[in-house]
Amino acid sequence: MNTDDLIKELGIENLTPEEQQRVLDELNMLVGEAMLGHLSDEQVGEYEEIINGNQEVITNWLNANDPHYKDTVMYQQLAEEYENDPDNIPADKVYASMAWVEKNNPNLNETVAAIKATLKANLTGKEQ
């Protein structure tokens, strides 16, 4: 989902760009807390290593958890998308971070939906 769609979904399109950004930042913070709140320190450390680009951790995690990841449509799309990335972000890093989140947060979609609904309700209540 792109930012414009998220702004519409949250019903904040009439806010100033600065106010919209504050709401999006709050959403990101709440999702991050929900995502990491139930994890062990070891799991959080592993995720940090992946998102920080520790190639050894990325390779080991992918080999242990998704050894055929290069055959997936998602990885192939990411590889194509990041092929000419000016920041040289490796597609396996992006894929590993997404796969790690999915594996370690199986109810993340429901959690995000609940957080969005609560945030939207809070915003609607403030406007009245």
Protein backbone atom coordinates (compact mmCIF):
# COMPACT_ATOMS: atom_id res chain seq x y z
CA MET A 1 0.00 0.00 0.00
CA ASN A 2 1.41 3.36 -0.92
CA THR A 3 1.37 6.41 1.35
CA ASP A 4 -1.48 8.13 -0.50
CA ASP A 5 -3.70 5.07 -0.10
CA LEU A 6 -2.82 4.84 3.59
CA ILE A 7 -3.65 8.52 4.09
CA LYS A 8 -7.05 7.94 2.48
CA GLU A 9 -7.65 4.77 4.49
CA LEU A 10 -6.94 6.62 7.72
CA GLY A 11 -9.14 9.51 6.61
CA ILE A 12 -6.42 12.11 7.11
CA GLU A 13 -6.29 13.57 3.61
CA ASN A 14 -7.61 16.92 4.91
CA LEU A 15 -4.77 17.31 7.42
CA THR A 16 -1.66 19.31 6.64
CA PRO A 17 1.30 17.30 5.31
CA GLU A 18 3.04 17.77 8.67
CA GLU A 19 0.01 16.43 10.55
CA GLN A 20 -0.29 13.52 8.12
CA GLN A 21 3.36 12.66 8.71
CA ARG A 22 2.85 12.73 12.49
CA VAL A 23 -0.05 10.27 12.14
CA LEU A 24 1.98 8.00 9.84
CA ASP A 25 4.92 8.13 12.25
CA GLU A 26 2.61 7.19 15.12
CA LEU A 27 1.23 4.30 13.06
CA ASN A 28 4.76 3.08 12.31
CA MET A 29 5.71 3.32 15.99
CA LEU A 30 2.61 1.40 17.12
CA VAL A 31 3.11 -1.32 14.51
CA GLY A 32 6.78 -1.60 15.44
CA GLU A 33 5.92 -1.95 19.12
CA ALA A 34 3.28 -4.57 18.32
CA MET A 35 5.66 -6.44 16.04
CA LEU A 36 8.61 -6.49 18.41
CA GLY A 37 6.81 -6.49 21.76
CA HIS A 38 6.37 -10.25 22.00
CA LEU A 39 9.80 -11.22 20.69
CA SER A 40 12.80 -12.36 22.68
CA ASP A 41 15.96 -10.26 22.80
CA GLU A 42 17.59 -12.88 20.56
CA GLN A 43 14.86 -12.51 17.94
CA VAL A 44 15.05 -8.72 18.05
CA GLY A 45 18.82 -8.94 17.67
CA GLU A 46 18.49 -11.26 14.69
CA TYR A 47 16.01 -8.91 13.01
CA GLU A 48 18.28 -5.92 13.64
CA GLU A 49 21.18 -7.81 12.04
CA ILE A 50 19.04 -8.54 8.99
CA ILE A 51 17.80 -4.97 8.52
CA ASN A 52 21.30 -3.64 9.13
CA GLY A 53 22.54 -5.77 6.24
CA ASN A 54 24.66 -8.38 8.03
CA GLN A 55 25.08 -10.63 5.00
CA GLU A 56 26.18 -13.65 7.03
CA VAL A 57 23.04 -13.51 9.18
CA ILE A 58 20.86 -12.90 6.11
CA THR A 59 22.35 -15.86 4.23
CA ASN A 60 22.18 -18.18 7.25
CA TRP A 61 18.59 -17.19 8.02
CA LEU A 62 17.44 -17.65 4.43
CA ASN A 63 19.22 -21.01 4.10
CA ALA A 64 17.63 -22.26 7.32
CA ASN A 65 14.14 -20.86 6.81
CA ASP A 66 13.57 -20.50 3.07
CA PRO A 67 16.31 -22.29 1.15
CA HIS A 68 14.52 -21.95 -2.20
CA TYR A 69 13.72 -18.25 -1.78
CA LYS A 70 15.38 -17.36 -5.09
CA ASP A 71 12.68 -19.38 -6.86
CA THR A 72 9.82 -17.36 -5.35
CA VAL A 73 7.95 -14.75 -7.35
CA MET A 74 8.39 -12.23 -4.53
CA TYR A 75 12.17 -12.58 -4.53
CA GLN A 76 12.36 -12.39 -8.31
CA GLN A 77 10.27 -9.21 -8.31
CA LEU A 78 12.47 -7.68 -5.62
CA ALA A 79 15.62 -8.69 -7.47
CA GLU A 80 14.35 -6.97 -10.59
CA GLU A 81 13.19 -3.90 -8.66
CA TYR A 82 16.48 -3.52 -6.76
CA GLU A 83 18.78 -4.43 -9.65
CA ASN A 84 19.65 -0.80 -10.36
CA ASP A 85 19.05 0.56 -6.86
CA PRO A 86 21.26 3.61 -6.33
CA ASP A 87 21.75 2.63 -2.67
CA ASN A 88 22.83 -0.89 -3.67
CA ILE A 89 20.34 -2.52 -1.32
CA PRO A 90 20.54 -6.27 -1.93
CA ALA A 91 17.25 -7.94 -2.81
CA ASP A 92 18.01 -10.79 -0.42
CA LYS A 93 18.19 -8.30 2.46
CA VAL A 94 14.76 -6.90 1.60
CA TYR A 95 13.32 -10.38 1.07
CA ALA A 96 14.85 -11.71 4.31
CA SER A 97 13.47 -8.81 6.35
CA MET A 98 9.99 -9.32 4.92
CA ALA A 99 10.12 -13.12 5.33
CA TRP A 100 11.48 -12.78 8.87
CA VAL A 101 8.63 -10.47 9.88
CA GLU A 102 6.07 -12.81 8.36
CA LYS A 103 7.53 -15.88 10.09
CA ASN A 104 7.90 -14.24 13.49
CA ASN A 105 4.62 -12.29 13.41
CA PRO A 106 2.03 -14.62 11.88
CA ASN A 107 -0.86 -12.34 12.95
CA LEU A 108 0.78 -9.11 11.85
CA ASN A 109 -1.84 -8.26 9.19
CA GLU A 110 -4.64 -8.53 11.74
CA THR A 111 -2.62 -6.52 14.27
CA VAL A 112 -1.91 -3.77 11.74
CA ALA A 113 -5.59 -3.65 10.75
CA ALA A 114 -6.61 -3.30 14.41
CA ILE A 115 -4.03 -0.57 15.01
CA LYS A 116 -5.21 1.34 11.93
CA ALA A 117 -8.84 1.05 13.03
CA THR A 118 -8.02 2.30 16.53
CA LEU A 119 -5.91 5.16 15.20
CA LYS A 120 -8.64 6.14 12.74
CA ALA A 121 -11.29 6.05 15.50
CA ASN A 122 -9.09 8.21 17.73
CA LEU A 123 -8.56 10.71 14.92
CA THR A 124 -12.27 10.81 14.12
CA GLY A 125 -13.05 11.43 17.79
CA LYS A 126 -10.61 14.36 17.88
CA GLU A 127 -12.23 16.02 14.88
CA GLN A 128 -15.66 16.19 16.54
